[in-house]
ModelCIF file with pLDDT and N, C-alpha, C, O atoms, coordinates in Angstrom:
data_MODEL
#
_entry.id   MODEL 
#
_entity.id                         1 
_entity.type                       polymer 
_entity.pdbx_number_of_molecules   1 
#
_entity_poly.entity_id                      1 
_entity_poly.type                           'polypeptide(L)' 
_entity_poly.nstd_linkage                   no 
_entity_poly.nstd_monomer                   no 
_entity_poly.pdbx_seq_one_letter_code       YVMGWFRQAPGKEREFVAAIRWRGDSTAYADSVKGRF 
_entity_poly.pdbx_seq_one_letter_code_can   YVMGWFRQAPGKEREFVAAIRWRGDSTAYADSVKGRF 
_entity_poly.pdbx_strand_id                 A 
#
loop_
_entity_poly_seq.entity_id 
_entity_poly_seq.num 
_entity_poly_seq.mon_id 
_entity_poly_seq.hetero 
1 1  TYR n 
1 2  VAL n 
1 3  MET n 
1 4  GLY n 
1 5  TRP n 
1 6  PHE n 
1 7  ARG n 
1 8  GLN n 
1 9  ALA n 
1 10 PRO n 
1 11 GLY n 
1 12 LYS n 
1 13 GLU n 
1 14 ARG n 
1 15 GLU n 
1 16 PHE n 
1 17 VAL n 
1 18 ALA n 
1 19 ALA n 
1 20 ILE n 
1 21 ARG n 
1 22 TRP n 
1 23 ARG n 
1 24 GLY n 
1 25 ASP n 
1 26 SER n 
1 27 THR n 
1 28 ALA n 
1 29 TYR n 
1 30 ALA n 
1 31 ASP n 
1 32 SER n 
1 33 VAL n 
1 34 LYS n 
1 35 GLY n 
1 36 ARG n 
1 37 PHE n 
#
_struct_asym.id          A 
_struct_asym.entity_id   1 
#
loop_
_ma_qa_metric.id 
_ma_qa_metric.mode 
_ma_qa_metric.name 
_ma_qa_metric.software_group_id 
_ma_qa_metric.type 
1 global pLDDT . pLDDT 
2 local  pLDDT . pLDDT 
#
_ma_qa_metric_global.metric_id      1 
_ma_qa_metric_global.metric_value   94.16 
_ma_qa_metric_global.model_id       1 
_ma_qa_metric_global.ordinal_id     1 
#
loop_
_ma_qa_metric_local.label_asym_id 
_ma_qa_metric_local.label_comp_id 
_ma_qa_metric_local.label_seq_id 
_ma_qa_metric_local.metric_id 
_ma_qa_metric_local.metric_value 
_ma_qa_metric_local.model_id 
_ma_qa_metric_local.ordinal_id 
A TYR 1  2 88.00 1 1  
A VAL 2  2 93.00 1 2  
A MET 3  2 94.00 1 3  
A GLY 4  2 96.00 1 4  
A TRP 5  2 98.00 1 5  
A PHE 6  2 98.00 1 6  
A ARG 7  2 98.00 1 7  
A GLN 8  2 97.00 1 8  
A ALA 9  2 97.00 1 9  
A PRO 10 2 92.00 1 10 
A GLY 11 2 94.00 1 11 
A LYS 12 2 96.00 1 12 
A GLU 13 2 95.00 1 13 
A ARG 14 2 95.00 1 14 
A GLU 15 2 96.00 1 15 
A PHE 16 2 97.00 1 16 
A VAL 17 2 98.00 1 17 
A ALA 18 2 98.00 1 18 
A ALA 19 2 97.00 1 19 
A ILE 20 2 96.00 1 20 
A ARG 21 2 92.00 1 21 
A TRP 22 2 78.00 1 22 
A ARG 23 2 76.00 1 23 
A GLY 24 2 78.00 1 24 
A ASP 25 2 84.00 1 25 
A SER 26 2 93.00 1 26 
A THR 27 2 96.00 1 27 
A ALA 28 2 97.00 1 28 
A TYR 29 2 97.00 1 29 
A ALA 30 2 97.00 1 30 
A ASP 31 2 97.00 1 31 
A SER 32 2 97.00 1 32 
A VAL 33 2 98.00 1 33 
A LYS 34 2 98.00 1 34 
A GLY 35 2 97.00 1 35 
A ARG 36 2 98.00 1 36 
A PHE 37 2 98.00 1 37 
#
loop_
_atom_site.group_PDB 
_atom_site.id 
_atom_site.type_symbol 
_atom_site.label_atom_id 
_atom_site.label_alt_id 
_atom_site.label_comp_id 
_atom_site.label_asym_id 
_atom_site.label_entity_id 
_atom_site.label_seq_id 
_atom_site.pdbx_PDB_ins_code 
_atom_site.Cartn_x 
_atom_site.Cartn_y 
_atom_site.Cartn_z 
_atom_site.occupancy 
_atom_site.B_iso_or_equiv 
_atom_site.pdbx_formal_charge 
_atom_site.auth_seq_id 
_atom_site.auth_comp_id 
_atom_site.auth_asym_id 
_atom_site.auth_atom_id 
_atom_site.pdbx_PDB_model_num 
ATOM 1   N N  . TYR A 1 1  ? 158.570 -183.582 50.498 1.00 88.00 ? 1  TYR A N  1 
ATOM 2   C CA . TYR A 1 1  ? 159.119 -183.230 49.202 1.00 88.00 ? 1  TYR A CA 1 
ATOM 3   C C  . TYR A 1 1  ? 160.483 -183.882 48.961 1.00 88.00 ? 1  TYR A C  1 
ATOM 4   O O  . TYR A 1 1  ? 161.308 -183.988 49.867 1.00 88.00 ? 1  TYR A O  1 
ATOM 5   N N  . VAL A 1 2  ? 160.692 -184.308 47.739 1.00 93.00 ? 2  VAL A N  1 
ATOM 6   C CA . VAL A 1 2  ? 162.047 -184.587 47.275 1.00 93.00 ? 2  VAL A CA 1 
ATOM 7   C C  . VAL A 1 2  ? 162.663 -183.242 46.906 1.00 93.00 ? 2  VAL A C  1 
ATOM 8   O O  . VAL A 1 2  ? 162.058 -182.441 46.193 1.00 93.00 ? 2  VAL A O  1 
ATOM 9   N N  . MET A 1 3  ? 163.869 -183.008 47.401 1.00 94.00 ? 3  MET A N  1 
ATOM 10  C CA . MET A 1 3  ? 164.575 -181.761 47.119 1.00 94.00 ? 3  MET A CA 1 
ATOM 11  C C  . MET A 1 3  ? 165.725 -182.049 46.169 1.00 94.00 ? 3  MET A C  1 
ATOM 12  O O  . MET A 1 3  ? 166.394 -183.077 46.267 1.00 94.00 ? 3  MET A O  1 
ATOM 13  N N  . GLY A 1 4  ? 165.938 -181.132 45.259 1.00 96.00 ? 4  GLY A N  1 
ATOM 14  C CA . GLY A 1 4  ? 166.998 -181.370 44.288 1.00 96.00 ? 4  GLY A CA 1 
ATOM 15  C C  . GLY A 1 4  ? 167.732 -180.104 43.899 1.00 96.00 ? 4  GLY A C  1 
ATOM 16  O O  . GLY A 1 4  ? 167.311 -178.990 44.209 1.00 96.00 ? 4  GLY A O  1 
ATOM 17  N N  . TRP A 1 5  ? 168.841 -180.310 43.210 1.00 98.00 ? 5  TRP A N  1 
ATOM 18  C CA . TRP A 1 5  ? 169.603 -179.216 42.617 1.00 98.00 ? 5  TRP A CA 1 
ATOM 19  C C  . TRP A 1 5  ? 169.736 -179.469 41.122 1.00 98.00 ? 5  TRP A C  1 
ATOM 20  O O  . TRP A 1 5  ? 170.027 -180.581 40.683 1.00 98.00 ? 5  TRP A O  1 
ATOM 21  N N  . PHE A 1 6  ? 169.521 -178.436 40.374 1.00 98.00 ? 6  PHE A N  1 
ATOM 22  C CA . PHE A 1 6  ? 169.716 -178.442 38.932 1.00 98.00 ? 6  PHE A CA 1 
ATOM 23  C C  . PHE A 1 6  ? 170.655 -177.298 38.597 1.00 98.00 ? 6  PHE A C  1 
ATOM 24  O O  . PHE A 1 6  ? 170.882 -176.410 39.419 1.00 98.00 ? 6  PHE A O  1 
ATOM 25  N N  . ARG A 1 7  ? 171.200 -177.322 37.386 1.00 98.00 ? 7  ARG A N  1 
ATOM 26  C CA . ARG A 1 7  ? 172.058 -176.213 36.965 1.00 98.00 ? 7  ARG A CA 1 
ATOM 27  C C  . ARG A 1 7  ? 171.845 -175.928 35.492 1.00 98.00 ? 7  ARG A C  1 
ATOM 28  O O  . ARG A 1 7  ? 171.439 -176.790 34.712 1.00 98.00 ? 7  ARG A O  1 
ATOM 29  N N  . GLN A 1 8  ? 172.135 -174.685 35.144 1.00 97.00 ? 8  GLN A N  1 
ATOM 30  C CA . GLN A 1 8  ? 171.992 -174.271 33.753 1.00 97.00 ? 8  GLN A CA 1 
ATOM 31  C C  . GLN A 1 8  ? 173.166 -173.384 33.377 1.00 97.00 ? 8  GLN A C  1 
ATOM 32  O O  . GLN A 1 8  ? 173.349 -172.297 33.923 1.00 97.00 ? 8  GLN A O  1 
ATOM 33  N N  . ALA A 1 9  ? 173.951 -173.872 32.435 1.00 97.00 ? 9  ALA A N  1 
ATOM 34  C CA . ALA A 1 9  ? 175.084 -173.112 31.923 1.00 97.00 ? 9  ALA A CA 1 
ATOM 35  C C  . ALA A 1 9  ? 174.616 -172.261 30.735 1.00 97.00 ? 9  ALA A C  1 
ATOM 36  O O  . ALA A 1 9  ? 173.598 -172.575 30.118 1.00 97.00 ? 9  ALA A O  1 
ATOM 37  N N  . PRO A 1 10 ? 175.340 -171.204 30.415 1.00 92.00 ? 10 PRO A N  1 
ATOM 38  C CA . PRO A 1 10 ? 174.938 -170.349 29.294 1.00 92.00 ? 10 PRO A CA 1 
ATOM 39  C C  . PRO A 1 10 ? 174.808 -171.142 28.000 1.00 92.00 ? 10 PRO A C  1 
ATOM 40  O O  . PRO A 1 10 ? 175.708 -171.891 27.621 1.00 92.00 ? 10 PRO A O  1 
ATOM 41  N N  . GLY A 1 11 ? 173.675 -170.965 27.330 1.00 94.00 ? 11 GLY A N  1 
ATOM 42  C CA . GLY A 1 11 ? 173.452 -171.633 26.060 1.00 94.00 ? 11 GLY A CA 1 
ATOM 43  C C  . GLY A 1 11 ? 173.081 -173.092 26.161 1.00 94.00 ? 11 GLY A C  1 
ATOM 44  O O  . GLY A 1 11 ? 172.950 -173.770 25.142 1.00 94.00 ? 11 GLY A O  1 
ATOM 45  N N  . LYS A 1 12 ? 172.907 -173.590 27.378 1.00 96.00 ? 12 LYS A N  1 
ATOM 46  C CA . LYS A 1 12 ? 172.572 -175.007 27.561 1.00 96.00 ? 12 LYS A CA 1 
ATOM 47  C C  . LYS A 1 12 ? 171.259 -175.154 28.304 1.00 96.00 ? 12 LYS A C  1 
ATOM 48  O O  . LYS A 1 12 ? 170.779 -174.217 28.941 1.00 96.00 ? 12 LYS A O  1 
ATOM 49  N N  . GLU A 1 13 ? 170.685 -176.348 28.214 1.00 95.00 ? 13 GLU A N  1 
ATOM 50  C CA . GLU A 1 13 ? 169.457 -176.608 28.933 1.00 95.00 ? 13 GLU A CA 1 
ATOM 51  C C  . GLU A 1 13 ? 169.752 -176.887 30.410 1.00 95.00 ? 13 GLU A C  1 
ATOM 52  O O  . GLU A 1 13 ? 170.858 -177.270 30.792 1.00 95.00 ? 13 GLU A O  1 
ATOM 53  N N  . ARG A 1 14 ? 168.721 -176.678 31.212 1.00 95.00 ? 14 ARG A N  1 
ATOM 54  C CA . ARG A 1 14 ? 168.841 -176.971 32.628 1.00 95.00 ? 14 ARG A CA 1 
ATOM 55  C C  . ARG A 1 14 ? 169.007 -178.480 32.809 1.00 95.00 ? 14 ARG A C  1 
ATOM 56  O O  . ARG A 1 14 ? 168.311 -179.275 32.177 1.00 95.00 ? 14 ARG A O  1 
ATOM 57  N N  . GLU A 1 15 ? 169.944 -178.860 33.684 1.00 96.00 ? 15 GLU A N  1 
ATOM 58  C CA . GLU A 1 15 ? 170.215 -180.281 33.874 1.00 96.00 ? 15 GLU A CA 1 
ATOM 59  C C  . GLU A 1 15 ? 170.202 -180.657 35.346 1.00 96.00 ? 15 GLU A C  1 
ATOM 60  O O  . GLU A 1 15 ? 170.489 -179.840 36.221 1.00 96.00 ? 15 GLU A O  1 
ATOM 61  N N  . PHE A 1 16 ? 169.866 -181.898 35.593 1.00 97.00 ? 16 PHE A N  1 
ATOM 62  C CA . PHE A 1 16 ? 169.819 -182.432 36.940 1.00 97.00 ? 16 PHE A CA 1 
ATOM 63  C C  . PHE A 1 16 ? 171.223 -182.553 37.515 1.00 97.00 ? 16 PHE A C  1 
ATOM 64  O O  . PHE A 1 16 ? 172.166 -182.903 36.806 1.00 97.00 ? 16 PHE A O  1 
ATOM 65  N N  . VAL A 1 17 ? 171.352 -182.260 38.811 1.00 98.00 ? 17 VAL A N  1 
ATOM 66  C CA . VAL A 1 17 ? 172.626 -182.405 39.504 1.00 98.00 ? 17 VAL A CA 1 
ATOM 67  C C  . VAL A 1 17 ? 172.517 -183.452 40.611 1.00 98.00 ? 17 VAL A C  1 
ATOM 68  O O  . VAL A 1 17 ? 173.276 -184.421 40.629 1.00 98.00 ? 17 VAL A O  1 
ATOM 69  N N  . ALA A 1 18 ? 171.566 -183.254 41.543 1.00 98.00 ? 18 ALA A N  1 
ATOM 70  C CA . ALA A 1 18 ? 171.451 -184.166 42.676 1.00 98.00 ? 18 ALA A CA 1 
ATOM 71  C C  . ALA A 1 18 ? 170.063 -184.025 43.291 1.00 98.00 ? 18 ALA A C  1 
ATOM 72  O O  . ALA A 1 18 ? 169.409 -182.993 43.135 1.00 98.00 ? 18 ALA A O  1 
ATOM 73  N N  . ALA A 1 19 ? 169.616 -185.067 43.993 1.00 97.00 ? 19 ALA A N  1 
ATOM 74  C CA . ALA A 1 19 ? 168.330 -185.030 44.679 1.00 97.00 ? 19 ALA A CA 1 
ATOM 75  C C  . ALA A 1 19 ? 168.407 -185.861 45.946 1.00 97.00 ? 19 ALA A C  1 
ATOM 76  O O  . ALA A 1 19 ? 169.240 -186.758 46.073 1.00 97.00 ? 19 ALA A O  1 
ATOM 77  N N  . ILE A 1 20 ? 167.516 -185.543 46.886 1.00 96.00 ? 20 ILE A N  1 
ATOM 78  C CA . ILE A 1 20 ? 167.505 -186.247 48.160 1.00 96.00 ? 20 ILE A CA 1 
ATOM 79  C C  . ILE A 1 20 ? 166.080 -186.355 48.678 1.00 96.00 ? 20 ILE A C  1 
ATOM 80  O O  . ILE A 1 20 ? 165.286 -185.422 48.558 1.00 96.00 ? 20 ILE A O  1 
ATOM 81  N N  . ARG A 1 21 ? 165.772 -187.504 49.253 1.00 92.00 ? 21 ARG A N  1 
ATOM 82  C CA . ARG A 1 21 ? 164.436 -187.743 49.806 1.00 92.00 ? 21 ARG A CA 1 
ATOM 83  C C  . ARG A 1 21 ? 164.393 -187.392 51.284 1.00 92.00 ? 21 ARG A C  1 
ATOM 84  O O  . ARG A 1 21 ? 165.429 -187.144 51.901 1.00 92.00 ? 21 ARG A O  1 
ATOM 85  N N  . TRP A 1 22 ? 163.209 -187.371 51.840 1.00 78.00 ? 22 TRP A N  1 
ATOM 86  C CA . TRP A 1 22 ? 163.008 -187.151 53.266 1.00 78.00 ? 22 TRP A CA 1 
ATOM 87  C C  . TRP A 1 22 ? 163.911 -188.067 54.077 1.00 78.00 ? 22 TRP A C  1 
ATOM 88  O O  . TRP A 1 22 ? 164.047 -189.252 53.773 1.00 78.00 ? 22 TRP A O  1 
ATOM 89  N N  . ARG A 1 23 ? 164.515 -187.519 55.091 1.00 76.00 ? 23 ARG A N  1 
ATOM 90  C CA . ARG A 1 23 ? 165.442 -188.201 55.987 1.00 76.00 ? 23 ARG A CA 1 
ATOM 91  C C  . ARG A 1 23 ? 166.760 -188.567 55.310 1.00 76.00 ? 23 ARG A C  1 
ATOM 92  O O  . ARG A 1 23 ? 167.636 -189.179 55.922 1.00 76.00 ? 23 ARG A O  1 
ATOM 93  N N  . GLY A 1 24 ? 166.887 -188.191 54.059 1.00 78.00 ? 24 GLY A N  1 
ATOM 94  C CA . GLY A 1 24 ? 168.149 -188.451 53.377 1.00 78.00 ? 24 GLY A CA 1 
ATOM 95  C C  . GLY A 1 24 ? 168.416 -189.910 53.107 1.00 78.00 ? 24 GLY A C  1 
ATOM 96  O O  . GLY A 1 24 ? 169.566 -190.293 52.892 1.00 78.00 ? 24 GLY A O  1 
ATOM 97  N N  . ASP A 1 25 ? 167.371 -190.750 53.110 1.00 84.00 ? 25 ASP A N  1 
ATOM 98  C CA . ASP A 1 25 ? 167.592 -192.182 52.936 1.00 84.00 ? 25 ASP A CA 1 
ATOM 99  C C  . ASP A 1 25 ? 167.668 -192.602 51.480 1.00 84.00 ? 25 ASP A C  1 
ATOM 100 O O  . ASP A 1 25 ? 167.848 -193.778 51.164 1.00 84.00 ? 25 ASP A O  1 
ATOM 101 N N  . SER A 1 26 ? 167.529 -191.631 50.606 1.00 93.00 ? 26 SER A N  1 
ATOM 102 C CA . SER A 1 26 ? 167.700 -191.914 49.183 1.00 93.00 ? 26 SER A CA 1 
ATOM 103 C C  . SER A 1 26 ? 168.269 -190.684 48.516 1.00 93.00 ? 26 SER A C  1 
ATOM 104 O O  . SER A 1 26 ? 167.754 -189.579 48.687 1.00 93.00 ? 26 SER A O  1 
ATOM 105 N N  . THR A 1 27 ? 169.321 -190.873 47.762 1.00 96.00 ? 27 THR A N  1 
ATOM 106 C CA . THR A 1 27 ? 169.920 -189.778 47.006 1.00 96.00 ? 27 THR A CA 1 
ATOM 107 C C  . THR A 1 27 ? 170.172 -190.224 45.569 1.00 96.00 ? 27 THR A C  1 
ATOM 108 O O  . THR A 1 27 ? 170.245 -191.415 45.268 1.00 96.00 ? 27 THR A O  1 
ATOM 109 N N  . ALA A 1 28 ? 170.301 -189.241 44.704 1.00 97.00 ? 28 ALA A N  1 
ATOM 110 C CA . ALA A 1 28 ? 170.634 -189.512 43.308 1.00 97.00 ? 28 ALA A CA 1 
ATOM 111 C C  . ALA A 1 28 ? 171.556 -188.407 42.825 1.00 97.00 ? 28 ALA A C  1 
ATOM 112 O O  . ALA A 1 28 ? 171.429 -187.255 43.241 1.00 97.00 ? 28 ALA A O  1 
ATOM 113 N N  . TYR A 1 29 ? 172.487 -188.760 41.942 1.00 97.00 ? 29 TYR A N  1 
ATOM 114 C CA . TYR A 1 29 ? 173.454 -187.797 41.427 1.00 97.00 ? 29 TYR A CA 1 
ATOM 115 C C  . TYR A 1 29 ? 173.615 -187.971 39.928 1.00 97.00 ? 29 TYR A C  1 
ATOM 116 O O  . TYR A 1 29 ? 173.498 -189.075 39.396 1.00 97.00 ? 29 TYR A O  1 
ATOM 117 N N  . ALA A 1 30 ? 173.883 -186.869 39.265 1.00 97.00 ? 30 ALA A N  1 
ATOM 118 C CA . ALA A 1 30 ? 174.294 -186.954 37.871 1.00 97.00 ? 30 ALA A CA 1 
ATOM 119 C C  . ALA A 1 30 ? 175.681 -187.579 37.812 1.00 97.00 ? 30 ALA A C  1 
ATOM 120 O O  . ALA A 1 30 ? 176.492 -187.380 38.717 1.00 97.00 ? 30 ALA A O  1 
ATOM 121 N N  . ASP A 1 31 ? 175.955 -188.321 36.767 1.00 97.00 ? 31 ASP A N  1 
ATOM 122 C CA . ASP A 1 31 ? 177.256 -188.972 36.634 1.00 97.00 ? 31 ASP A CA 1 
ATOM 123 C C  . ASP A 1 31 ? 178.398 -187.962 36.680 1.00 97.00 ? 31 ASP A C  1 
ATOM 124 O O  . ASP A 1 31 ? 179.479 -188.261 37.188 1.00 97.00 ? 31 ASP A O  1 
ATOM 125 N N  . SER A 1 32 ? 178.157 -186.781 36.155 1.00 97.00 ? 32 SER A N  1 
ATOM 126 C CA . SER A 1 32 ? 179.210 -185.777 36.058 1.00 97.00 ? 32 SER A CA 1 
ATOM 127 C C  . SER A 1 32 ? 179.662 -185.237 37.409 1.00 97.00 ? 32 SER A C  1 
ATOM 128 O O  . SER A 1 32 ? 180.729 -184.629 37.505 1.00 97.00 ? 32 SER A O  1 
ATOM 129 N N  . VAL A 1 33 ? 178.860 -185.451 38.459 1.00 98.00 ? 33 VAL A N  1 
ATOM 130 C CA . VAL A 1 33 ? 179.218 -184.907 39.774 1.00 98.00 ? 33 VAL A CA 1 
ATOM 131 C C  . VAL A 1 33 ? 179.434 -185.982 40.831 1.00 98.00 ? 33 VAL A C  1 
ATOM 132 O O  . VAL A 1 33 ? 179.822 -185.670 41.957 1.00 98.00 ? 33 VAL A O  1 
ATOM 133 N N  . LYS A 1 34 ? 179.192 -187.227 40.489 1.00 98.00 ? 34 LYS A N  1 
ATOM 134 C CA . LYS A 1 34 ? 179.368 -188.310 41.460 1.00 98.00 ? 34 LYS A CA 1 
ATOM 135 C C  . LYS A 1 34 ? 180.787 -188.327 41.994 1.00 98.00 ? 34 LYS A C  1 
ATOM 136 O O  . LYS A 1 34 ? 181.755 -188.213 41.242 1.00 98.00 ? 34 LYS A O  1 
ATOM 137 N N  . GLY A 1 35 ? 180.890 -188.472 43.306 1.00 97.00 ? 35 GLY A N  1 
ATOM 138 C CA . GLY A 1 35 ? 182.205 -188.502 43.943 1.00 97.00 ? 35 GLY A CA 1 
ATOM 139 C C  . GLY A 1 35 ? 182.760 -187.133 44.272 1.00 97.00 ? 35 GLY A C  1 
ATOM 140 O O  . GLY A 1 35 ? 183.744 -187.018 45.002 1.00 97.00 ? 35 GLY A O  1 
ATOM 141 N N  . ARG A 1 36 ? 182.135 -186.090 43.735 1.00 98.00 ? 36 ARG A N  1 
ATOM 142 C CA . ARG A 1 36 ? 182.611 -184.726 44.002 1.00 98.00 ? 36 ARG A CA 1 
ATOM 143 C C  . ARG A 1 36 ? 181.590 -183.892 44.769 1.00 98.00 ? 36 ARG A C  1 
ATOM 144 O O  . ARG A 1 36 ? 181.957 -183.061 45.599 1.00 98.00 ? 36 ARG A O  1 
ATOM 145 N N  . PHE A 1 37 ? 180.319 -184.115 44.492 1.00 98.00 ? 37 PHE A N  1 
ATOM 146 C CA . PHE A 1 37 ? 179.250 -183.355 45.136 1.00 98.00 ? 37 PHE A CA 1 
ATOM 147 C C  . PHE A 1 37 ? 178.515 -184.253 46.125 1.00 98.00 ? 37 PHE A C  1 
ATOM 148 O O  . PHE A 1 37 ? 177.572 -183.808 46.779 1.00 98.00 ? 37 PHE A O  1 
#
């Protein structure tokens, strides 16, 4: 499985935050969290 994190603020749609593939050899981040998460 690819595992990911999403978030949903009040009154907003659920949005992608980050994801990671098996063995961690591929990751993806939302621009809003890059460098911090």
